PDB file of N, CA and C in Angstrom:
ATOM      1  N   PRO A   1      30.112  91.541  61.144  1.00  0.00           N
ATOM      2  CA  PRO A   1      28.777  90.968  61.005  1.00  0.00           C
ATOM      3  C   PRO A   1      28.108  91.419  59.712  1.00  0.00           C
ATOM      4  N   VAL A   2      27.172  90.640  59.268  1.00  0.00           N
ATOM      5  CA  VAL A   2      26.417  90.953  58.063  1.00  0.00           C
ATOM      6  C   VAL A   2      25.502  92.140  58.336  1.00  0.00           C
ATOM      7  N   GLU A   3      25.464  93.076  57.403  1.00  0.00           N
ATOM      8  CA  GLU A   3      24.587  94.238  57.562  1.00  0.00           C
ATOM      9  C   GLU A   3      23.144  93.819  57.298  1.00  0.00           C
ATOM     10  N   VAL A   4      22.254  94.252  58.159  1.00  0.00           N
ATOM     11  CA  VAL A   4      20.839  93.903  58.065  1.00  0.00           C
ATOM     12  C   VAL A   4      20.031  95.177  57.879  1.00  0.00           C
ATOM     13  N   ASP A   5      19.019  95.122  57.022  1.00  0.00           N
ATOM     14  CA  ASP A   5      18.121  96.252  56.833  1.00  0.00           C
ATOM     15  C   ASP A   5      17.278  96.401  58.089  1.00  0.00           C
ATOM     16  N   PRO A   6      17.409  97.528  58.816  1.00  0.00           N
ATOM     17  CA  PRO A   6      16.655  97.701  60.054  1.00  0.00           C
ATOM     18  C   PRO A   6      15.144  97.615  59.846  1.00  0.00           C
ATOM     19  N   MET A   7      14.660  98.099  58.710  1.00  0.00           N
ATOM     20  CA  MET A   7      13.229  98.058  58.435  1.00  0.00           C
ATOM     21  C   MET A   7      12.744  96.609  58.329  1.00  0.00           C
ATOM     22  N   SER A   8      13.549  95.768  57.707  1.00  0.00           N
ATOM     23  CA  SER A   8      13.212  94.355  57.585  1.00  0.00           C
ATOM     24  C   SER A   8      13.140  93.704  58.968  1.00  0.00           C
ATOM     25  N   LEU A   9      14.095  94.027  59.809  1.00  0.00           N
ATOM     26  CA  LEU A   9      14.121  93.490  61.165  1.00  0.00           C
ATOM     27  C   LEU A   9      12.891  93.958  61.950  1.00  0.00           C
ATOM     28  N   LEU A  10      12.563  95.232  61.844  1.00  0.00           N
ATOM     29  CA  LEU A  10      11.410  95.762  62.558  1.00  0.00           C
ATOM     30  C   LEU A  10      10.113  95.119  62.070  1.00  0.00           C
ATOM     31  N   ARG A  11       9.990  94.924  60.752  1.00  0.00           N
ATOM     32  CA  ARG A  11       8.778  94.292  60.207  1.00  0.00           C
ATOM     33  C   ARG A  11       8.625  92.862  60.717  1.00  0.00           C
ATOM     34  N   ARG A  12       9.740  92.139  60.804  1.00  0.00           N
ATOM     35  CA  ARG A  12       9.664  90.744  61.245  1.00  0.00           C
ATOM     36  C   ARG A  12       9.237  90.614  62.699  1.00  0.00           C
ATOM     37  N   CYS A  13       9.626  91.561  63.527  1.00  0.00           N
ATOM     38  CA  CYS A  13       9.311  91.422  64.954  1.00  0.00           C
ATOM     39  C   CYS A  13       8.086  92.212  65.383  1.00  0.00           C
ATOM     40  N   CYS A  14       7.812  93.315  64.719  1.00  0.00           N
ATOM     41  CA  CYS A  14       6.903  94.288  65.327  1.00  0.00           C
ATOM     42  C   CYS A  14       5.856  94.877  64.396  1.00  0.00           C
ATOM     43  N   ALA A  15       5.502  94.226  63.323  1.00  0.00           N
ATOM     44  CA  ALA A  15       4.591  94.841  62.356  1.00  0.00           C
ATOM     45  C   ALA A  15       3.141  94.403  62.521  1.00  0.00           C
ATOM     46  N   GLY A  16       2.863  93.571  63.491  1.00  0.00           N
ATOM     47  CA  GLY A  16       1.498  93.092  63.664  1.00  0.00           C
ATOM     48  C   GLY A  16       0.658  94.016  64.526  1.00  0.00           C
ATOM     49  N   GLU A  17      -0.535  93.544  64.817  1.00  0.00           N
ATOM     50  CA  GLU A  17      -1.454  94.319  65.648  1.00  0.00           C
ATOM     51  C   GLU A  17      -0.921  94.500  67.064  1.00  0.00           C
ATOM     52  N   ASP A  18      -0.020  93.625  67.483  1.00  0.00           N
ATOM     53  CA  ASP A  18       0.535  93.694  68.832  1.00  0.00           C
ATOM     54  C   ASP A  18       1.873  94.437  68.872  1.00  0.00           C
ATOM     55  N   GLU A  19       2.096  95.316  67.901  1.00  0.00           N
ATOM     56  CA  GLU A  19       3.376  96.029  67.780  1.00  0.00           C
ATOM     57  C   GLU A  19       3.796  96.696  69.085  1.00  0.00           C
ATOM     58  N   GLU A  20       2.909  97.458  69.701  1.00  0.00           N
ATOM     59  CA  GLU A  20       3.261  98.181  70.926  1.00  0.00           C
ATOM     60  C   GLU A  20       3.649  97.217  72.054  1.00  0.00           C
ATOM     61  N   GLU A  21       2.927  96.119  72.170  1.00  0.00           N
ATOM     62  CA  GLU A  21       3.223  95.126  73.206  1.00  0.00           C
ATOM     63  C   GLU A  21       4.587  94.475  72.960  1.00  0.00           C
ATOM     64  N   VAL A  22       4.870  94.143  71.726  1.00  0.00           N
ATOM     65  CA  VAL A  22       6.160  93.519  71.388  1.00  0.00           C
ATOM     66  C   VAL A  22       7.299  94.485  71.679  1.00  0.00           C
ATOM     67  N   ILE A  23       7.122  95.742  71.313  1.00  0.00           N
ATOM     68  CA  ILE A  23       8.173  96.727  71.572  1.00  0.00           C
ATOM     69  C   ILE A  23       8.392  96.894  73.076  1.00  0.00           C
ATOM     70  N   ARG A  24       7.326  96.919  73.861  1.00  0.00           N
ATOM     71  CA  ARG A  24       7.475  97.019  75.327  1.00  0.00           C
ATOM     72  C   ARG A  24       8.240  95.812  75.882  1.00  0.00           C
ATOM     73  N   GLU A  25       7.932  94.630  75.380  1.00  0.00           N
ATOM     74  CA  GLU A  25       8.643  93.435  75.840  1.00  0.00           C
ATOM     75  C   GLU A  25      10.123  93.498  75.461  1.00  0.00           C
ATOM     76  N   MET A  26      10.401  93.965  74.250  1.00  0.00           N
ATOM     77  CA  MET A  26      11.794  94.090  73.823  1.00  0.00           C
ATOM     78  C   MET A  26      12.519  95.144  74.654  1.00  0.00           C
ATOM     79  N   GLU A  27      11.831  96.247  74.959  1.00  0.00           N
ATOM     80  CA  GLU A  27      12.441  97.298  75.771  1.00  0.00           C
ATOM     81  C   GLU A  27      12.809  96.789  77.161  1.00  0.00           C
ATOM     82  N   ALA A  28      11.988  95.887  77.704  1.00  0.00           N
ATOM     83  CA  ALA A  28      12.289  95.335  79.024  1.00  0.00           C
ATOM     84  C   ALA A  28      13.618  94.593  79.012  1.00  0.00           C
ATOM     85  N   ASP A  29      13.960  94.023  77.862  1.00  0.00           N
ATOM     86  CA  ASP A  29      15.213  93.286  77.729  1.00  0.00           C
ATOM     87  C   ASP A  29      16.376  94.203  77.357  1.00  0.00           C
ATOM     88  N   CYS A  30      16.136  95.127  76.437  1.00  0.00           N
ATOM     89  CA  CYS A  30      17.220  95.998  75.944  1.00  0.00           C
ATOM     90  C   CYS A  30      16.629  97.317  75.446  1.00  0.00           C
ATOM     91  N   GLY A  31      16.314  98.191  76.371  1.00  0.00           N
ATOM     92  CA  GLY A  31      15.635  99.440  76.048  1.00  0.00           C
ATOM     93  C   GLY A  31      16.346 100.317  75.041  1.00  0.00           C
ATOM     94  N   LEU A  32      17.625 100.523  75.226  1.00  0.00           N
ATOM     95  CA  LEU A  32      18.347 101.396  74.306  1.00  0.00           C
ATOM     96  C   LEU A  32      18.576 100.731  72.957  1.00  0.00           C
ATOM     97  N   GLY A  33      18.604  99.415  72.927  1.00  0.00           N
ATOM     98  CA  GLY A  33      18.688  98.694  71.652  1.00  0.00           C
ATOM     99  C   GLY A  33      17.434  98.913  70.829  1.00  0.00           C
ATOM    100  N   VAL A  34      16.283  98.901  71.491  1.00  0.00           N
ATOM    101  CA  VAL A  34      15.028  99.181  70.804  1.00  0.00           C
ATOM    102  C   VAL A  34      15.029 100.618  70.291  1.00  0.00           C
ATOM    103  N   SER A  35      15.523 101.537  71.098  1.00  0.00           N
ATOM    104  CA  SER A  35      15.616 102.937  70.663  1.00  0.00           C
ATOM    105  C   SER A  35      16.455 103.044  69.396  1.00  0.00           C
ATOM    106  N   ALA A  36      17.602 102.381  69.390  1.00  0.00           N
ATOM    107  CA  ALA A  36      18.480 102.422  68.215  1.00  0.00           C
ATOM    108  C   ALA A  36      17.784 101.823  66.995  1.00  0.00           C
ATOM    109  N   LEU A  37      17.056 100.723  67.188  1.00  0.00           N
ATOM    110  CA  LEU A  37      16.321 100.110  66.082  1.00  0.00           C
ATOM    111  C   LEU A  37      15.268 101.072  65.530  1.00  0.00           C
ATOM    112  N   LEU A  38      14.519 101.709  66.418  1.00  0.00           N
ATOM    113  CA  LEU A  38      13.488 102.650  65.971  1.00  0.00           C
ATOM    114  C   LEU A  38      14.105 103.833  65.233  1.00  0.00           C
ATOM    115  N   PHE A  39      15.188 104.388  65.773  1.00  0.00           N
ATOM    116  CA  PHE A  39      15.871 105.498  65.090  1.00  0.00           C
ATOM    117  C   PHE A  39      16.345 105.068  63.705  1.00  0.00           C
ATOM    118  N   SER A  40      16.845 103.855  63.600  1.00  0.00           N
ATOM    119  CA  SER A  40      17.423 103.413  62.326  1.00  0.00           C
ATOM    120  C   SER A  40      16.389 103.168  61.235  1.00  0.00           C
ATOM    121  N   THR A  41      15.112 103.144  61.585  1.00  0.00           N
ATOM    122  CA  THR A  41      14.064 102.913  60.584  1.00  0.00           C
ATOM    123  C   THR A  41      13.362 104.186  60.123  1.00  0.00           C
ATOM    124  N   VAL A  42      13.710 105.317  60.697  1.00  0.00           N
ATOM    125  CA  VAL A  42      13.020 106.575  60.366  1.00  0.00           C
ATOM    126  C   VAL A  42      13.148 106.924  58.886  1.00  0.00           C
ATOM    127  N   THR A  43      14.339 106.843  58.331  1.00  0.00           N
ATOM    128  CA  THR A  43      14.514 107.245  56.926  1.00  0.00           C
ATOM    129  C   THR A  43      13.792 106.313  55.962  1.00  0.00           C
ATOM    130  N   ALA A  44      13.794 105.017  56.261  1.00  0.00           N
ATOM    131  CA  ALA A  44      13.077 104.070  55.395  1.00  0.00           C
ATOM    132  C   ALA A  44      11.579 104.335  55.448  1.00  0.00           C
ATOM    133  N   LEU A  45      11.064 104.655  56.624  1.00  0.00           N
ATOM    134  CA  LEU A  45       9.639 104.968  56.733  1.00  0.00           C
ATOM    135  C   LEU A  45       9.292 106.232  55.952  1.00  0.00           C
ATOM    136  N   GLU A  46      10.189 107.197  56.003  1.00  0.00           N
ATOM    137  CA  GLU A  46       9.915 108.421  55.246  1.00  0.00           C
ATOM    138  C   GLU A  46       9.845 108.117  53.749  1.00  0.00           C
ATOM    139  N   ARG A  47      10.756 107.314  53.257  1.00  0.00           N
ATOM    140  CA  ARG A  47      10.749 106.957  51.833  1.00  0.00           C
ATOM    141  C   ARG A  47       9.499 106.167  51.453  1.00  0.00           C
ATOM    142  N   ARG A  48       9.105 105.235  52.301  1.00  0.00           N
ATOM    143  CA  ARG A  48       7.999 104.330  51.968  1.00  0.00           C
ATOM    144  C   ARG A  48       6.624 104.890  52.290  1.00  0.00           C
ATOM    145  N   GLN A  49       6.524 105.640  53.398  1.00  0.00           N
ATOM    146  CA  GLN A  49       5.205 106.065  53.851  1.00  0.00           C
ATOM    147  C   GLN A  49       5.051 107.567  54.019  1.00  0.00           C
ATOM    148  N   GLY A  50       6.144 108.318  53.853  1.00  0.00           N
ATOM    149  CA  GLY A  50       6.059 109.765  53.925  1.00  0.00           C
ATOM    150  C   GLY A  50       6.519 110.345  55.254  1.00  0.00           C
ATOM    151  N   PRO A  51       6.584 111.692  55.301  1.00  0.00           N
ATOM    152  CA  PRO A  51       7.118 112.367  56.486  1.00  0.00           C
ATOM    153  C   PRO A  51       6.273 112.179  57.744  1.00  0.00           C
ATOM    154  N   ARG A  52       4.982 112.036  57.592  1.00  0.00           N
ATOM    155  CA  ARG A  52       4.143 111.862  58.787  1.00  0.00           C
ATOM    156  C   ARG A  52       4.508 110.564  59.517  1.00  0.00           C
ATOM    157  N   ALA A  53       4.636 109.471  58.785  1.00  0.00           N
ATOM    158  CA  ALA A  53       5.016 108.190  59.387  1.00  0.00           C
ATOM    159  C   ALA A  53       6.417 108.283  59.994  1.00  0.00           C
ATOM    160  N   ALA A  54       7.310 108.995  59.326  1.00  0.00           N
ATOM    161  CA  ALA A  54       8.676 109.157  59.842  1.00  0.00           C
ATOM    162  C   ALA A  54       8.663 109.950  61.145  1.00  0.00           C
ATOM    163  N   ARG A  55       7.848 111.006  61.207  1.00  0.00           N
ATOM    164  CA  ARG A  55       7.748 111.795  62.445  1.00  0.00           C
ATOM    165  C   ARG A  55       7.188 110.945  63.589  1.00  0.00           C
ATOM    166  N   GLN A  56       6.213 110.104  63.297  1.00  0.00           N
ATOM    167  CA  GLN A  56       5.652 109.228  64.336  1.00  0.00           C
ATOM    168  C   GLN A  56       6.709 108.255  64.852  1.00  0.00           C
ATOM    169  N   GLN A  57       7.489 107.696  63.933  1.00  0.00           N
ATOM    170  CA  GLN A  57       8.548 106.761  64.340  1.00  0.00           C
ATOM    171  C   GLN A  57       9.623 107.486  65.141  1.00  0.00           C
ATOM    172  N   LEU A  58       9.972 108.684  64.716  1.00  0.00           N
ATOM    173  CA  LEU A  58      10.962 109.474  65.441  1.00  0.00           C
ATOM    174  C   LEU A  58      10.470 109.759  66.852  1.00  0.00           C
ATOM    175  N   SER A  59       9.207 110.076  66.978  1.00  0.00           N
ATOM    176  CA  SER A  59       8.620 110.331  68.289  1.00  0.00           C
ATOM    177  C   SER A  59       8.700 109.091  69.177  1.00  0.00           C
ATOM    178  N   LYS A  60       8.398 107.929  68.607  1.00  0.00           N
ATOM    179  CA  LYS A  60       8.509 106.669  69.358  1.00  0.00           C
ATOM    180  C   LYS A  60       9.952 106.427  69.790  1.00  0.00           C
ATOM    181  N   ALA A  61      10.887 106.660  68.879  1.00  0.00           N
ATOM    182  CA  ALA A  61      12.302 106.428  69.183  1.00  0.00           C
ATOM    183  C   ALA A  61      12.778 107.357  70.293  1.00  0.00           C
ATOM    184  N   MET A  62      12.400 108.621  70.213  1.00  0.00           N
ATOM    185  CA  MET A  62      12.816 109.583  71.234  1.00  0.00           C
ATOM    186  C   MET A  62      12.193 109.254  72.590  1.00  0.00           C
ATOM    187  N   ALA A  63      10.943 108.811  72.589  1.00  0.00           N
ATOM    188  CA  ALA A  63      10.288 108.428  73.840  1.00  0.00           C
ATOM    189  C   ALA A  63      10.967 107.202  74.448  1.00  0.00           C
ATOM    190  N   SER A  64      11.314 106.240  73.605  1.00  0.00           N
ATOM    191  CA  SER A  64      12.004 105.046  74.081  1.00  0.00           C
ATOM    192  C   SER A  64      13.359 105.423  74.684  1.00  0.00           C
ATOM    193  N   ARG A  65      14.084 106.267  73.986  1.00  0.00           N
ATOM    194  CA  ARG A  65      15.395 106.704  74.495  1.00  0.00           C
ATOM    195  C   ARG A  65      15.231 107.422  75.831  1.00  0.00           C
ATOM    196  N   SER A  66      14.220 108.267  75.950  1.00  0.00           N
ATOM    197  CA  SER A  66      13.985 109.003  77.198  1.00  0.00           C
ATOM    198  C   SER A  66      13.671 108.063  78.361  1.00  0.00           C
ATOM    199  N   ARG A  67      12.879 107.039  78.087  1.00  0.00           N
ATOM    200  CA  ARG A  67      12.523 106.082  79.143  1.00  0.00           C
ATOM    201  C   ARG A  67      13.745 105.349  79.691  1.00  0.00           C
ATOM    202  N   HIS A  68      14.762 105.180  78.870  1.00  0.00           N
ATOM    203  CA  HIS A  68      15.929 104.380  79.266  1.00  0.00           C
ATOM    204  C   HIS A  68      17.216 105.209  79.361  1.00  0.00           C
ATOM    205  N   TRP A  69      17.084 106.514  79.358  1.00  0.00           N
ATOM    206  CA  TRP A  69      18.245 107.394  79.317  1.00  0.00           C
ATOM    207  C   TRP A  69      19.197 107.155  80.483  1.00  0.00           C
ATOM    208  N   GLY A  70      18.670 106.850  81.643  1.00  0.00           N
ATOM    209  CA  GLY A  70      19.519 106.629  82.814  1.00  0.00           C
ATOM    210  C   GLY A  70      20.444 105.435  82.689  1.00  0.00           C
ATOM    211  N   LEU A  71      20.176 104.561  81.740  1.00  0.00           N
ATOM    212  CA  LEU A  71      20.997 103.359  81.560  1.00  0.00           C
ATOM    213  C   LEU A  71      22.133 103.540  80.569  1.00  0.00           C
ATOM    214  N   GLN A  72      22.199 104.677  79.909  1.00  0.00           N
ATOM    215  CA  GLN A  72      23.164 104.833  78.822  1.00  0.00           C
ATOM    216  C   GLN A  72      24.610 104.649  79.262  1.00  0.00           C
ATOM    217  N   ALA A  73      24.938 105.048  80.450  1.00  0.00           N
ATOM    218  CA  ALA A  73      26.328 104.903  80.907  1.00  0.00           C
ATOM    219  C   ALA A  73      26.711 103.442  81.113  1.00  0.00           C
ATOM    220  N   PHE A  74      25.705 102.573  81.289  1.00  0.00           N
ATOM    221  CA  PHE A  74      25.956 101.158  81.555  1.00  0.00           C
ATOM    222  C   PHE A  74      25.813 100.289  80.313  1.00  0.00           C
ATOM    223  N   ASP A  75      25.410 100.895  79.211  1.00  0.00           N
ATOM    224  CA  ASP A  75      25.159 100.135  77.983  1.00  0.00           C
ATOM    225  C   ASP A  75      26.248 100.455  76.967  1.00  0.00           C
ATOM    226  N   CYS A  76      27.267  99.614  76.908  1.00  0.00           N
ATOM    227  CA  CYS A  76      28.401  99.904  76.020  1.00  0.00           C
ATOM    228  C   CYS A  76      27.986  99.893  74.557  1.00  0.00           C
ATOM    229  N   HIS A  77      26.985  99.111  74.195  1.00  0.00           N
ATOM    230  CA  HIS A  77      26.532  99.101  72.799  1.00  0.00           C
ATOM    231  C   HIS A  77      25.966 100.458  72.423  1.00  0.00           C
ATOM    232  N   TRP A  78      25.167 101.047  73.309  1.00  0.00           N
ATOM    233  CA  TRP A  78      24.558 102.346  73.044  1.00  0.00           C
ATOM    234  C   TRP A  78      25.622 103.441  72.996  1.00  0.00           C
ATOM    235  N   SER A  79      26.531 103.431  73.940  1.00  0.00           N
ATOM    236  CA  SER A  79      27.494 104.526  74.025  1.00  0.00           C
ATOM    237  C   SER A  79      28.667 104.388  73.058  1.00  0.00           C
ATOM    238  N   GLN A  80      29.029 103.160  72.667  1.00  0.00           N
ATOM    239  CA  GLN A  80      30.219 102.988  71.851  1.00  0.00           C
ATOM    240  C   GLN A  80      29.959 102.435  70.450  1.00  0.00           C
ATOM    241  N   GLN A  81      28.819 101.818  70.216  1.00  0.00           N
ATOM    242  CA  GLN A  81      28.600 101.179  68.923  1.00  0.00           C
ATOM    243  C   GLN A  81      27.483 101.807  68.094  1.00  0.00           C
ATOM    244  N   VAL A  82      26.632 102.603  68.711  1.00  0.00           N
ATOM    245  CA  VAL A  82      25.545 103.245  67.977  1.00  0.00           C
ATOM    246  C   VAL A  82      26.045 104.576  67.432  1.00  0.00           C
ATOM    247  N   ASN A  83      25.832 104.805  66.146  1.00  0.00           N
ATOM    248  CA  ASN A  83      26.253 106.055  65.512  1.00  0.00           C
ATOM    249  C   ASN A  83      25.189 107.139  65.768  1.00  0.00           C
ATOM    250  N   HIS A  84      25.336 107.846  66.858  1.00  0.00           N
ATOM    251  CA  HIS A  84      24.353 108.855  67.252  1.00  0.00           C
ATOM    252  C   HIS A  84      24.278 110.001  66.250  1.00  0.00           C
ATOM    253  N   ALA A  85      25.370 110.320  65.623  1.00  0.00           N
ATOM    254  CA  ALA A  85      25.368 111.391  64.626  1.00  0.00           C
ATOM    255  C   ALA A  85      24.474 111.042  63.446  1.00  0.00           C
ATOM    256  N   GLY A  86      24.254 109.764  63.220  1.00  0.00           N
ATOM    257  CA  GLY A  86      23.424 109.325  62.111  1.00  0.00           C
ATOM    258  C   GLY A  86      21.966 109.708  62.241  1.00  0.00           C
ATOM    259  N   PHE A  87      21.491 109.951  63.458  1.00  0.00           N
ATOM    260  CA  PHE A  87      20.089 110.321  63.610  1.00  0.00           C
ATOM    261  C   PHE A  87      19.853 111.608  64.391  1.00  0.00           C
ATOM    262  N   GLN A  88      20.880 112.350  64.735  1.00  0.00           N
ATOM    263  CA  GLN A  88      20.706 113.595  65.476  1.00  0.00           C
ATOM    264  C   GLN A  88      19.980 114.664  64.669  1.00  0.00           C
ATOM    265  N   HIS A  89      20.055 114.595  63.370  1.00  0.00           N
ATOM    266  CA  HIS A  89      19.456 115.619  62.517  1.00  0.00           C
ATOM    267  C   HIS A  89      18.018 115.307  62.113  1.00  0.00           C
ATOM    268  N   TYR A  90      17.495 114.137  62.418  1.00  0.00           N
ATOM    269  CA  TYR A  90      16.155 113.747  61.961  1.00  0.00           C
ATOM    270  C   TYR A  90      15.091 114.758  62.363  1.00  0.00           C
ATOM    271  N   LYS A  91      15.100 115.167  63.625  1.00  0.00           N
ATOM    272  CA  LYS A  91      14.067 116.089  64.115  1.00  0.00           C
ATOM    273  C   LYS A  91      14.075 117.380  63.305  1.00  0.00           C
ATOM    274  N   TRP A  92      15.256 117.848  62.960  1.00  0.00           N
ATOM    275  CA  TRP A  92      15.373 119.093  62.190  1.00  0.00           C
ATOM    276  C   TRP A  92      14.804 118.923  60.786  1.00  0.00           C
ATOM    277  N   PHE A  93      15.162 117.841  60.103  1.00  0.00           N
ATOM    278  CA  PHE A  93      14.680 117.624  58.740  1.00  0.00           C
ATOM    279  C   PHE A  93      13.192 117.308  58.673  1.00  0.00           C
ATOM    280  N   LEU A  94      12.635 116.778  59.723  1.00  0.00           N
ATOM    281  CA  LEU A  94      11.230 116.371  59.710  1.00  0.00           C
ATOM    282  C   LEU A  94      10.300 117.407  60.346  1.00  0.00           C
ATOM    283  N   LYS A  95      10.762 118.637  60.487  1.00  0.00           N
ATOM    284  CA  LYS A  95       9.902 119.686  61.027  1.00  0.00           C
ATOM    285  C   LYS A  95       8.654 119.812  60.169  1.00  0.00           C
ATOM    286  N   GLU A  96       7.517 119.932  60.834  1.00  0.00           N
ATOM    287  CA  GLU A  96       6.261 120.029  60.091  1.00  0.00           C
ATOM    288  C   GLU A  96       6.116 121.363  59.369  1.00  0.00           C
ATOM    289  N   ASP A  97       6.651 122.416  59.947  1.00  0.00           N
ATOM    290  CA  ASP A  97       6.471 123.735  59.313  1.00  0.00           C
ATOM    291  C   ASP A  97       7.380 123.941  58.100  1.00  0.00           C
ATOM    292  N   GLY A  98       8.329 123.040  57.917  1.00  0.00           N
ATOM    293  CA  GLY A  98       9.208 123.129  56.755  1.00  0.00           C
ATOM    294  C   GLY A  98      10.301 124.179  56.859  1.00  0.00           C
ATOM    295  N   ALA A  99      10.381 124.873  57.974  1.00  0.00           N
ATOM    296  CA  ALA A  99      11.407 125.904  58.157  1.00  0.00           C
ATOM    297  C   ALA A  99      12.740 125.247  58.491  1.00  0.00           C
ATOM    298  N   LEU A 100      13.602 125.164  57.521  1.00  0.00           N
ATOM    299  CA  LEU A 100      14.888 124.498  57.735  1.00  0.00           C
ATOM    300  C   LEU A 100      15.976 125.506  58.043  1.00  0.00           C
ATOM    301  N   THR A 101      15.781 126.265  59.104  1.00  0.00           N
ATOM    302  CA  THR A 101      16.830 127.172  59.532  1.00  0.00           C
ATOM    303  C   THR A 101      17.802 126.396  60.417  1.00  0.00           C
ATOM    304  N   PHE A 102      19.063 126.668  60.274  1.00  0.00           N
ATOM    305  CA  PHE A 102      20.048 125.935  61.062  1.00  0.00           C
ATOM    306  C   PHE A 102      19.887 126.253  62.527  1.00  0.00           C
ATOM    307  N   PRO A 103      20.014 125.223  63.364  1.00  0.00           N
ATOM    308  CA  PRO A 103      19.863 125.442  64.821  1.00  0.00           C
ATOM    309  C   PRO A 103      20.973 126.310  65.384  1.00  0.00           C
TER     310      PRO A 103
END
């Protein structure tokens, strides 16, 4: 498949005043897919809007993942196609105190 910029996809669906409502509707259809989309936009947000915006997006992504965590065993896209290693380090790099000690 053609590679798509996740930030572009998120802007097209969820950048309006009704962002939270749209994300909730999307989560009802594919909760872990929304989580993956949110995780995939963290780095672009950091580049464009700074670490605070990236931390907020990371928080949204983690909350979305938590809400749908019980479904992960049934979602082959989440368990087999999402590169979890690609975003496991975000929380560490985006620490507010700046202390980058290895976990």
